Amino acid sequence: MSKRQIDESLVEKILRSLEGLEYGSVHITIHDSKITQIERVEKQRFPLEKNSLKKGV
């Protein structure tokens, strides 16, 4: 079984997708043993204040 080299520019793109990501995911799609798509999904989380749960506030 031979090892395939991953294009260095793709590795850089994957690493850039991870930069600054606090919550979320990076999906790497592969077809025919080649990376065809890199998708970054970022979630933003906000603290829930207890006072905002009270009725009439």
N, C-alpha and C. Protein backbone atom coordinates (compact mmCIF):
# COMPACT_ATOMS: atom_id res chain seq x y z
N MET A 1 0.84 -1.18 0.00
CA MET A 1 0.00 0.00 0.00
C MET A 1 0.88 1.25 0.00
N SER A 2 0.72 2.10 -0.98
CA SER A 2 1.56 3.28 -1.09
C SER A 2 0.93 4.46 -0.36
N LYS A 3 1.77 5.28 0.22
CA LYS A 3 1.28 6.49 0.89
C LYS A 3 1.13 7.59 -0.14
N ARG A 4 0.02 8.32 -0.06
CA ARG A 4 -0.20 9.44 -0.98
C ARG A 4 0.16 10.73 -0.26
N GLN A 5 0.77 11.62 -1.00
CA GLN A 5 1.13 12.92 -0.46
C GLN A 5 -0.09 13.84 -0.50
N ILE A 6 -0.32 14.57 0.58
CA ILE A 6 -1.39 15.56 0.61
C ILE A 6 -0.79 16.90 0.19
N ASP A 7 -1.47 17.57 -0.71
CA ASP A 7 -1.01 18.87 -1.20
C ASP A 7 -0.85 19.82 -0.01
N GLU A 8 0.33 20.40 0.11
CA GLU A 8 0.64 21.29 1.24
C GLU A 8 -0.32 22.47 1.32
N SER A 9 -0.79 22.96 0.19
CA SER A 9 -1.73 24.09 0.21
C SER A 9 -3.06 23.68 0.83
N LEU A 10 -3.46 22.43 0.65
CA LEU A 10 -4.69 21.95 1.28
C LEU A 10 -4.54 21.84 2.79
N VAL A 11 -3.37 21.41 3.22
CA VAL A 11 -3.10 21.34 4.66
C VAL A 11 -3.18 22.74 5.27
N GLU A 12 -2.63 23.73 4.58
CA GLU A 12 -2.69 25.11 5.05
C GLU A 12 -4.14 25.60 5.13
N LYS A 13 -4.95 25.25 4.15
CA LYS A 13 -6.36 25.66 4.16
C LYS A 13 -7.12 25.02 5.32
N ILE A 14 -6.82 23.78 5.61
CA ILE A 14 -7.45 23.10 6.74
C ILE A 14 -7.05 23.78 8.05
N LEU A 15 -5.77 24.09 8.20
CA LEU A 15 -5.29 24.76 9.41
C LEU A 15 -5.92 26.15 9.57
N ARG A 16 -6.07 26.89 8.46
CA ARG A 16 -6.71 28.20 8.52
C ARG A 16 -8.18 28.07 8.92
N SER A 17 -8.82 27.00 8.50
CA SER A 17 -10.22 26.77 8.87
C SER A 17 -10.37 26.55 10.38
N LEU A 18 -9.33 26.01 10.99
CA LEU A 18 -9.36 25.74 12.43
C LEU A 18 -9.02 26.96 13.27
N GLU A 19 -8.32 27.92 12.68
CA GLU A 19 -7.89 29.09 13.45
C GLU A 19 -9.07 29.87 13.99
N GLY A 20 -9.02 30.16 15.27
CA GLY A 20 -10.03 31.00 15.91
C GLY A 20 -11.37 30.32 16.12
N LEU A 21 -11.46 29.05 15.83
CA LEU A 21 -12.72 28.33 15.98
C LEU A 21 -12.89 27.90 17.43
N GLU A 22 -13.86 28.50 18.14
CA GLU A 22 -14.11 28.12 19.53
C GLU A 22 -15.12 26.99 19.62
N TYR A 23 -16.23 27.14 18.93
CA TYR A 23 -17.28 26.14 18.90
C TYR A 23 -17.67 25.90 17.45
N GLY A 24 -17.70 24.67 17.04
CA GLY A 24 -18.09 24.38 15.67
C GLY A 24 -17.38 23.15 15.15
N SER A 25 -17.28 23.07 13.83
CA SER A 25 -16.65 21.91 13.23
C SER A 25 -16.07 22.26 11.86
N VAL A 26 -15.13 21.44 11.44
CA VAL A 26 -14.56 21.54 10.10
C VAL A 26 -14.79 20.19 9.44
N HIS A 27 -15.50 20.21 8.31
CA HIS A 27 -15.80 18.99 7.57
C HIS A 27 -14.91 18.94 6.34
N ILE A 28 -14.26 17.81 6.15
CA ILE A 28 -13.42 17.60 4.98
C ILE A 28 -14.06 16.50 4.14
N THR A 29 -14.43 16.86 2.91
CA THR A 29 -15.07 15.90 2.01
C THR A 29 -14.03 15.33 1.06
N ILE A 30 -14.06 14.01 0.91
CA ILE A 30 -13.09 13.32 0.07
C ILE A 30 -13.82 12.49 -0.97
N HIS A 31 -13.40 12.60 -2.23
CA HIS A 31 -13.90 11.78 -3.33
C HIS A 31 -12.71 11.21 -4.09
N ASP A 32 -12.77 9.94 -4.36
CA ASP A 32 -11.68 9.26 -5.10
C ASP A 32 -10.32 9.51 -4.45
N SER A 33 -10.29 9.44 -3.12
CA SER A 33 -9.06 9.61 -2.34
C SER A 33 -8.47 11.02 -2.43
N LYS A 34 -9.26 12.00 -2.83
CA LYS A 34 -8.78 13.38 -2.92
C LYS A 34 -9.70 14.30 -2.16
N ILE A 35 -9.13 15.30 -1.50
CA ILE A 35 -9.92 16.30 -0.80
C ILE A 35 -10.61 17.18 -1.83
N THR A 36 -11.93 17.23 -1.76
CA THR A 36 -12.69 18.01 -2.73
C THR A 36 -13.37 19.22 -2.10
N GLN A 37 -13.51 19.21 -0.77
CA GLN A 37 -14.23 20.32 -0.13
C GLN A 37 -13.83 20.43 1.32
N ILE A 38 -13.72 21.67 1.79
CA ILE A 38 -13.48 21.95 3.20
C ILE A 38 -14.58 22.91 3.64
N GLU A 39 -15.33 22.51 4.66
CA GLU A 39 -16.46 23.31 5.11
C GLU A 39 -16.29 23.62 6.60
N ARG A 40 -16.42 24.90 6.94
CA ARG A 40 -16.29 25.33 8.33
C ARG A 40 -17.66 25.77 8.83
N VAL A 41 -18.07 25.21 9.96
CA VAL A 41 -19.32 25.58 10.59
C VAL A 41 -18.97 26.16 11.95
N GLU A 42 -19.29 27.41 12.15
CA GLU A 42 -18.96 28.08 13.41
C GLU A 42 -20.23 28.40 14.18
N LYS A 43 -20.20 28.11 15.46
CA LYS A 43 -21.33 28.42 16.33
C LYS A 43 -20.90 29.49 17.32
N GLN A 44 -21.81 30.40 17.56
CA GLN A 44 -21.55 31.43 18.56
C GLN A 44 -22.44 31.16 19.75
N ARG A 45 -21.87 31.15 20.91
CA ARG A 45 -22.62 30.87 22.13
C ARG A 45 -22.66 32.12 22.99
N PHE A 46 -23.83 32.37 23.56
CA PHE A 46 -24.04 33.53 24.39
C PHE A 46 -24.51 33.08 25.76
N PRO A 47 -24.00 33.71 26.82
CA PRO A 47 -24.43 33.31 28.17
C PRO A 47 -25.90 33.66 28.37
N LEU A 48 -26.61 32.77 29.03
CA LEU A 48 -28.02 32.97 29.32
C LEU A 48 -28.12 33.60 30.71
N GLU A 49 -28.74 34.77 30.78
CA GLU A 49 -28.88 35.45 32.06
C GLU A 49 -30.13 34.95 32.75
N LYS A 50 -30.02 34.65 34.04
CA LYS A 50 -31.15 34.12 34.79
C LYS A 50 -32.31 35.11 34.87
N ASN A 51 -32.03 36.40 34.90
CA ASN A 51 -33.08 37.41 34.99
C ASN A 51 -33.97 37.42 33.74
N SER A 52 -33.45 37.04 32.63
CA SER A 52 -34.22 37.07 31.39
C SER A 52 -35.25 35.95 31.34
N LEU A 53 -35.17 34.98 32.25
CA LEU A 53 -36.12 33.88 32.29
C LEU A 53 -37.39 34.22 33.06
N LYS A 54 -37.33 35.26 33.88
CA LYS A 54 -38.51 35.64 34.68
C LYS A 54 -39.56 36.27 33.80
N LYS A 55 -40.82 35.94 34.07
CA LYS A 55 -41.94 36.52 33.31
C LYS A 55 -42.09 37.98 33.68
N GLY A 56 -42.40 38.79 32.64
CA GLY A 56 -42.65 40.21 32.88
C GLY A 56 -41.42 41.06 32.99
N VAL A 57 -40.24 40.51 32.76
CA VAL A 57 -39.01 41.30 32.84
C VAL A 57 -38.56 41.68 31.46
